Amino acid sequence: MSEEKPFDTTRKFVRVTELRENGLVEFEFAIGEPELFVELIMAAPAFDEFCAANKVTFIDDKGRLKLGDEDAEWRWSLRDATHQRFK
């Protein structure tokens, strides 16, 4: 029987999703598990301060949870929705 690891709130993750021309940084921020995140946007200096204060680990798209085809409908974010038209 495998033992469950406790949720570690000291582990914090950032994945940058876009660097805007106006100096804003769009990113995903997660605590404990990189698969559960919030989407945020900050000015670059504030983003740098935020990352330093939280001692984040930067991850890229390869750090995303890989889901099977049957779970494809769950593979989206609010950022994805803003670039898609709905009927």
C-alpha atoms as a PDB file:
ATOM      1  CA  MET A   1       0.000   0.000   0.000  1.00  0.00           C
ATOM      2  CA  SER A   2       1.485   3.333  -1.044  1.00  0.00           C
ATOM      3  CA  GLU A   3       1.711   6.157   1.425  1.00  0.00           C
ATOM      4  CA  GLU A   4       0.161   9.524   0.487  1.00  0.00           C
ATOM      5  CA  LYS A   5       2.470  12.520   0.587  1.00  0.00           C
ATOM      6  CA  PRO A   6       1.180  15.467   2.601  1.00  0.00           C
ATOM      7  CA  PHE A   7       0.230  18.603   0.652  1.00  0.00           C
ATOM      8  CA  ASP A   8       3.350  20.794   0.760  1.00  0.00           C
ATOM      9  CA  THR A   9       2.409  24.495   0.863  1.00  0.00           C
ATOM     10  CA  THR A  10       6.060  25.507   0.731  1.00  0.00           C
ATOM     11  CA  ARG A  11       6.314  24.382  -2.918  1.00  0.00           C
ATOM     12  CA  LYS A  12       5.263  27.229  -5.246  1.00  0.00           C
ATOM     13  CA  PHE A  13       5.290  27.188  -9.031  1.00  0.00           C
ATOM     14  CA  VAL A  14       5.066  29.755 -11.840  1.00  0.00           C
ATOM     15  CA  ARG A  15       4.522  29.123 -15.534  1.00  0.00           C
ATOM     16  CA  VAL A  16       4.757  32.269 -17.710  1.00  0.00           C
ATOM     17  CA  THR A  17       2.112  32.140 -20.439  1.00  0.00           C
ATOM     18  CA  GLU A  18       2.701  35.495 -22.135  1.00  0.00           C
ATOM     19  CA  LEU A  19       4.988  38.525 -21.998  1.00  0.00           C
ATOM     20  CA  ARG A  20       2.976  41.439 -23.339  1.00  0.00           C
ATOM     21  CA  GLU A  21       4.444  44.368 -25.256  1.00  0.00           C
ATOM     22  CA  ASN A  22       3.043  46.760 -22.628  1.00  0.00           C
ATOM     23  CA  GLY A  23       5.221  45.198 -19.906  1.00  0.00           C
ATOM     24  CA  LEU A  24       2.611  42.940 -18.327  1.00  0.00           C
ATOM     25  CA  VAL A  25       3.339  39.299 -17.545  1.00  0.00           C
ATOM     26  CA  GLU A  26       0.566  36.686 -17.726  1.00  0.00           C
ATOM     27  CA  PHE A  27       1.288  33.609 -15.661  1.00  0.00           C
ATOM     28  CA  GLU A  28      -0.068  30.636 -13.762  1.00  0.00           C
ATOM     29  CA  PHE A  29       0.699  30.375 -10.044  1.00  0.00           C
ATOM     30  CA  ALA A  30       0.361  27.166  -8.052  1.00  0.00           C
ATOM     31  CA  ILE A  31       0.944  26.187  -4.445  1.00  0.00           C
ATOM     32  CA  GLY A  32       1.756  22.590  -3.571  1.00  0.00           C
ATOM     33  CA  GLU A  33       0.819  21.001  -6.901  1.00  0.00           C
ATOM     34  CA  PRO A  34       1.524  22.594 -10.311  1.00  0.00           C
ATOM     35  CA  GLU A  35      -1.632  21.043 -11.792  1.00  0.00           C
ATOM     36  CA  LEU A  36      -3.900  23.261  -9.657  1.00  0.00           C
ATOM     37  CA  PHE A  37      -3.237  26.915 -10.439  1.00  0.00           C
ATOM     38  CA  VAL A  38      -4.661  30.409 -10.698  1.00  0.00           C
ATOM     39  CA  GLU A  39      -4.079  32.688 -13.655  1.00  0.00           C
ATOM     40  CA  LEU A  40      -2.610  36.094 -12.828  1.00  0.00           C
ATOM     41  CA  ILE A  41      -1.291  39.164 -14.623  1.00  0.00           C
ATOM     42  CA  MET A  42       1.185  41.706 -13.213  1.00  0.00           C
ATOM     43  CA  ALA A  43       3.554  44.412 -14.339  1.00  0.00           C
ATOM     44  CA  ALA A  44       7.033  42.954 -14.877  1.00  0.00           C
ATOM     45  CA  PRO A  45       8.633  44.606 -11.790  1.00  0.00           C
ATOM     46  CA  ALA A  46       5.775  43.398  -9.557  1.00  0.00           C
ATOM     47  CA  PHE A  47       6.037  39.911 -11.108  1.00  0.00           C
ATOM     48  CA  ASP A  48       9.774  39.754 -10.331  1.00  0.00           C
ATOM     49  CA  GLU A  49       9.115  40.822  -6.729  1.00  0.00           C
ATOM     50  CA  PHE A  50       6.235  38.329  -6.399  1.00  0.00           C
ATOM     51  CA  CYS A  51       8.420  35.455  -7.627  1.00  0.00           C
ATOM     52  CA  ALA A  52      11.295  36.382  -5.321  1.00  0.00           C
ATOM     53  CA  ALA A  53       9.016  36.771  -2.283  1.00  0.00           C
ATOM     54  CA  ASN A  54       7.361  33.389  -2.948  1.00  0.00           C
ATOM     55  CA  LYS A  55      10.596  31.578  -3.884  1.00  0.00           C
ATOM     56  CA  VAL A  56       8.864  30.008  -6.879  1.00  0.00           C
ATOM     57  CA  THR A  57      10.028  27.207  -9.120  1.00  0.00           C
ATOM     58  CA  PHE A  58       9.568  28.098 -12.780  1.00  0.00           C
ATOM     59  CA  ILE A  59       8.036  25.404 -14.976  1.00  0.00           C
ATOM     60  CA  ASP A  60       7.251  25.243 -18.682  1.00  0.00           C
ATOM     61  CA  ASP A  61       4.542  23.457 -20.690  1.00  0.00           C
ATOM     62  CA  LYS A  62       6.456  20.197 -20.228  1.00  0.00           C
ATOM     63  CA  GLY A  63       5.694  20.551 -16.508  1.00  0.00           C
ATOM     64  CA  ARG A  64       1.954  20.367 -17.181  1.00  0.00           C
ATOM     65  CA  LEU A  65       0.029  17.308 -16.184  1.00  0.00           C
ATOM     66  CA  LYS A  66      -0.409  15.093 -19.224  1.00  0.00           C
ATOM     67  CA  LEU A  67      -3.965  13.847 -19.517  1.00  0.00           C
ATOM     68  CA  GLY A  68      -5.248  11.033 -21.671  1.00  0.00           C
ATOM     69  CA  ASP A  69      -7.507  11.681 -24.680  1.00  0.00           C
ATOM     70  CA  GLU A  70     -10.572  10.825 -22.603  1.00  0.00           C
ATOM     71  CA  ASP A  71      -9.730  13.821 -20.374  1.00  0.00           C
ATOM     72  CA  ALA A  72      -9.061  16.269 -23.226  1.00  0.00           C
ATOM     73  CA  GLU A  73     -12.091  18.418 -22.381  1.00  0.00           C
ATOM     74  CA  TRP A  74     -10.435  19.295 -19.062  1.00  0.00           C
ATOM     75  CA  ARG A  75      -7.247  20.522 -20.747  1.00  0.00           C
ATOM     76  CA  TRP A  76      -7.988  24.267 -20.906  1.00  0.00           C
ATOM     77  CA  SER A  77      -7.526  27.488 -18.978  1.00  0.00           C
ATOM     78  CA  LEU A  78      -9.301  30.827 -18.828  1.00  0.00           C
ATOM     79  CA  ARG A  79      -6.537  32.210 -21.022  1.00  0.00           C
ATOM     80  CA  ASP A  80      -7.387  29.582 -23.657  1.00  0.00           C
ATOM     81  CA  ALA A  81     -11.065  30.579 -23.475  1.00  0.00           C
ATOM     82  CA  THR A  82     -10.303  34.237 -24.194  1.00  0.00           C
ATOM     83  CA  HIS A  83      -8.799  33.247 -27.537  1.00  0.00           C
ATOM     84  CA  GLN A  84     -11.711  31.037 -28.591  1.00  0.00           C
ATOM     85  CA  ARG A  85     -15.100  32.042 -29.941  1.00  0.00           C
ATOM     86  CA  PHE A  86     -18.137  30.291 -28.565  1.00  0.00           C
ATOM     87  CA  LYS A  87     -21.412  29.810 -30.420  1.00  0.00           C
END
